[in-house]
Amino acid sequence: MNKKQRKIYDAIFAEPIRRNIVWDDVVTLIKAIGGTFTQGDGSRVRFDFNNISLNIHSPHPQKELKR
């Protein structure tokens, strides 16, 4: 995990929740720590990490995550 990815990791778990976390940075972070990212139909995505799956929708039309 590089310095930028560490900042994104810290931002995800910060209190209060930050509003400026960019979606592409989160995808890069998940891949860097050994997870996988699968694009489904439309905005559906799936993250897999350590036998845990998370199915969510990517943000659109903006590029930042929602709280």
N, C-alpha and C. Protein backbone atom coordinates (compact mmCIF):
# COMPACT_ATOMS: atom_id res chain seq x y z
N MET A 1 0.86 -1.17 0.00
CA MET A 1 0.00 0.00 0.00
C MET A 1 0.91 1.24 0.00
N ASN A 2 0.69 2.10 -0.98
CA ASN A 2 1.53 3.30 -1.04
C ASN A 2 0.91 4.43 -0.18
N LYS A 3 1.57 5.58 -0.17
CA LYS A 3 1.17 6.69 0.69
C LYS A 3 -0.24 7.21 0.35
N LYS A 4 -0.55 7.32 -0.93
CA LYS A 4 -1.87 7.81 -1.34
C LYS A 4 -2.96 6.83 -0.93
N GLN A 5 -2.69 5.54 -1.12
CA GLN A 5 -3.68 4.53 -0.72
C GLN A 5 -3.89 4.53 0.78
N ARG A 6 -2.85 4.77 1.55
CA ARG A 6 -2.98 4.85 3.01
C ARG A 6 -3.85 6.04 3.41
N LYS A 7 -3.71 7.16 2.70
CA LYS A 7 -4.55 8.33 2.98
C LYS A 7 -6.02 8.03 2.69
N ILE A 8 -6.28 7.32 1.61
CA ILE A 8 -7.66 6.94 1.27
C ILE A 8 -8.21 6.00 2.34
N TYR A 9 -7.42 5.03 2.76
CA TYR A 9 -7.83 4.11 3.82
C TYR A 9 -8.20 4.87 5.09
N ASP A 10 -7.34 5.80 5.51
CA ASP A 10 -7.61 6.60 6.70
C ASP A 10 -8.86 7.46 6.53
N ALA A 11 -9.06 7.99 5.32
CA ALA A 11 -10.23 8.84 5.06
C ALA A 11 -11.54 8.05 5.15
N ILE A 12 -11.51 6.80 4.72
CA ILE A 12 -12.72 5.97 4.76
C ILE A 12 -13.19 5.77 6.20
N PHE A 13 -12.25 5.61 7.12
CA PHE A 13 -12.60 5.34 8.51
C PHE A 13 -12.52 6.57 9.41
N ALA A 14 -12.37 7.75 8.84
CA ALA A 14 -12.27 8.98 9.63
C ALA A 14 -13.63 9.36 10.23
N GLU A 15 -13.58 10.04 11.35
CA GLU A 15 -14.77 10.63 11.96
C GLU A 15 -14.56 12.13 12.00
N PRO A 16 -15.44 12.95 11.55
CA PRO A 16 -16.68 12.62 10.86
C PRO A 16 -16.39 12.10 9.45
N ILE A 17 -17.38 11.46 8.87
CA ILE A 17 -17.23 10.85 7.55
C ILE A 17 -16.94 11.93 6.51
N ARG A 18 -15.90 11.72 5.73
CA ARG A 18 -15.53 12.69 4.71
C ARG A 18 -16.41 12.56 3.49
N ARG A 19 -16.57 13.67 2.76
CA ARG A 19 -17.43 13.69 1.58
C ARG A 19 -16.66 13.71 0.26
N ASN A 20 -15.35 13.78 0.31
CA ASN A 20 -14.58 13.96 -0.93
C ASN A 20 -13.73 12.74 -1.29
N ILE A 21 -14.17 11.55 -0.94
CA ILE A 21 -13.43 10.34 -1.27
C ILE A 21 -13.82 9.92 -2.69
N VAL A 22 -12.84 9.84 -3.57
CA VAL A 22 -13.08 9.55 -4.98
C VAL A 22 -13.23 8.04 -5.19
N TRP A 23 -14.24 7.65 -5.93
CA TRP A 23 -14.56 6.25 -6.18
C TRP A 23 -13.38 5.48 -6.75
N ASP A 24 -12.71 6.03 -7.76
CA ASP A 24 -11.59 5.32 -8.39
C ASP A 24 -10.46 5.06 -7.41
N ASP A 25 -10.28 5.96 -6.44
CA ASP A 25 -9.25 5.75 -5.42
C ASP A 25 -9.60 4.56 -4.52
N VAL A 26 -10.87 4.38 -4.22
CA VAL A 26 -11.31 3.25 -3.41
C VAL A 26 -11.08 1.94 -4.16
N VAL A 27 -11.40 1.92 -5.44
CA VAL A 27 -11.18 0.71 -6.25
C VAL A 27 -9.69 0.37 -6.27
N THR A 28 -8.84 1.35 -6.44
CA THR A 28 -7.40 1.14 -6.45
C THR A 28 -6.92 0.60 -5.10
N LEU A 29 -7.47 1.14 -4.01
CA LEU A 29 -7.10 0.68 -2.67
C LEU A 29 -7.48 -0.78 -2.48
N ILE A 30 -8.68 -1.16 -2.85
CA ILE A 30 -9.12 -2.55 -2.68
C ILE A 30 -8.21 -3.50 -3.45
N LYS A 31 -7.85 -3.12 -4.66
CA LYS A 31 -6.95 -3.97 -5.46
C LYS A 31 -5.57 -4.04 -4.83
N ALA A 32 -5.08 -2.94 -4.23
CA ALA A 32 -3.75 -2.90 -3.64
C ALA A 32 -3.63 -3.80 -2.40
N ILE A 33 -4.73 -3.96 -1.67
CA ILE A 33 -4.67 -4.80 -0.47
C ILE A 33 -5.05 -6.25 -0.75
N GLY A 34 -5.21 -6.59 -2.02
CA GLY A 34 -5.42 -7.98 -2.40
C GLY A 34 -6.86 -8.35 -2.71
N GLY A 35 -7.75 -7.39 -2.77
CA GLY A 35 -9.14 -7.67 -3.10
C GLY A 35 -9.35 -7.66 -4.60
N THR A 36 -10.54 -8.08 -5.00
CA THR A 36 -10.89 -8.05 -6.41
C THR A 36 -12.11 -7.17 -6.61
N PHE A 37 -12.22 -6.62 -7.80
CA PHE A 37 -13.29 -5.72 -8.18
C PHE A 37 -13.91 -6.27 -9.44
N THR A 38 -15.23 -6.46 -9.44
CA THR A 38 -15.93 -6.97 -10.61
C THR A 38 -17.05 -6.02 -10.98
N GLN A 39 -17.04 -5.53 -12.22
CA GLN A 39 -18.10 -4.65 -12.72
C GLN A 39 -19.25 -5.50 -13.20
N GLY A 40 -20.46 -5.22 -12.72
CA GLY A 40 -21.65 -5.94 -13.15
C GLY A 40 -22.43 -5.12 -14.15
N ASP A 41 -23.73 -5.39 -14.25
CA ASP A 41 -24.60 -4.64 -15.14
C ASP A 41 -24.84 -3.24 -14.59
N GLY A 42 -24.82 -2.26 -15.47
CA GLY A 42 -25.06 -0.88 -15.05
C GLY A 42 -24.00 -0.40 -14.08
N SER A 43 -24.44 0.08 -12.92
CA SER A 43 -23.50 0.60 -11.94
C SER A 43 -23.20 -0.40 -10.83
N ARG A 44 -23.64 -1.64 -10.99
CA ARG A 44 -23.39 -2.66 -9.97
C ARG A 44 -21.93 -3.07 -9.97
N VAL A 45 -21.37 -3.18 -8.77
CA VAL A 45 -20.00 -3.64 -8.61
C VAL A 45 -19.94 -4.63 -7.45
N ARG A 46 -18.91 -5.44 -7.47
CA ARG A 46 -18.71 -6.42 -6.40
C ARG A 46 -17.25 -6.37 -5.99
N PHE A 47 -17.03 -6.24 -4.68
CA PHE A 47 -15.71 -6.33 -4.10
C PHE A 47 -15.61 -7.64 -3.35
N ASP A 48 -14.52 -8.37 -3.53
CA ASP A 48 -14.26 -9.60 -2.80
C ASP A 48 -12.91 -9.46 -2.10
N PHE A 49 -12.92 -9.78 -0.79
CA PHE A 49 -11.69 -9.70 0.00
C PHE A 49 -11.79 -10.66 1.18
N ASN A 50 -10.84 -11.56 1.30
CA ASN A 50 -10.80 -12.53 2.40
C ASN A 50 -12.12 -13.28 2.57
N ASN A 51 -12.65 -13.81 1.49
CA ASN A 51 -13.91 -14.57 1.50
C ASN A 51 -15.12 -13.76 1.94
N ILE A 52 -15.04 -12.46 1.82
CA ILE A 52 -16.17 -11.57 2.11
C ILE A 52 -16.49 -10.81 0.83
N SER A 53 -17.77 -10.73 0.50
CA SER A 53 -18.20 -10.03 -0.71
C SER A 53 -19.07 -8.84 -0.34
N LEU A 54 -18.92 -7.77 -1.08
CA LEU A 54 -19.75 -6.57 -0.91
C LEU A 54 -20.28 -6.20 -2.29
N ASN A 55 -21.60 -6.21 -2.43
CA ASN A 55 -22.25 -5.82 -3.68
C ASN A 55 -22.89 -4.46 -3.48
N ILE A 56 -22.44 -3.48 -4.26
CA ILE A 56 -22.96 -2.12 -4.14
C ILE A 56 -23.10 -1.50 -5.53
N HIS A 57 -23.60 -0.29 -5.58
CA HIS A 57 -23.68 0.48 -6.81
C HIS A 57 -22.61 1.56 -6.77
N SER A 58 -21.92 1.75 -7.87
CA SER A 58 -20.94 2.83 -7.94
C SER A 58 -21.67 4.17 -8.03
N PRO A 59 -21.05 5.22 -7.50
CA PRO A 59 -21.72 6.52 -7.55
C PRO A 59 -21.77 7.07 -8.97
N HIS A 60 -22.87 7.72 -9.30
CA HIS A 60 -23.00 8.35 -10.61
C HIS A 60 -24.07 9.41 -10.51
N PRO A 61 -24.02 10.50 -11.15
CA PRO A 61 -23.00 10.89 -12.14
C PRO A 61 -21.74 11.46 -11.49
N GLN A 62 -21.76 11.74 -10.19
CA GLN A 62 -20.57 12.28 -9.53
C GLN A 62 -19.51 11.19 -9.35
N LYS A 63 -18.31 11.60 -9.03
CA LYS A 63 -17.22 10.62 -8.87
C LYS A 63 -16.87 10.36 -7.42
N GLU A 64 -17.48 11.10 -6.47
CA GLU A 64 -17.21 10.92 -5.06
C GLU A 64 -18.21 9.96 -4.43
N LEU A 65 -17.77 9.29 -3.37
CA LEU A 65 -18.65 8.40 -2.63
C LEU A 65 -19.69 9.21 -1.86
N LYS A 66 -20.83 8.60 -1.62
CA LYS A 66 -21.84 9.21 -0.75
C LYS A 66 -21.53 8.79 0.68
N ARG A 67 -22.01 9.56 1.62
CA ARG A 67 -21.78 9.23 3.02
C ARG A 67 -22.46 7.92 3.33
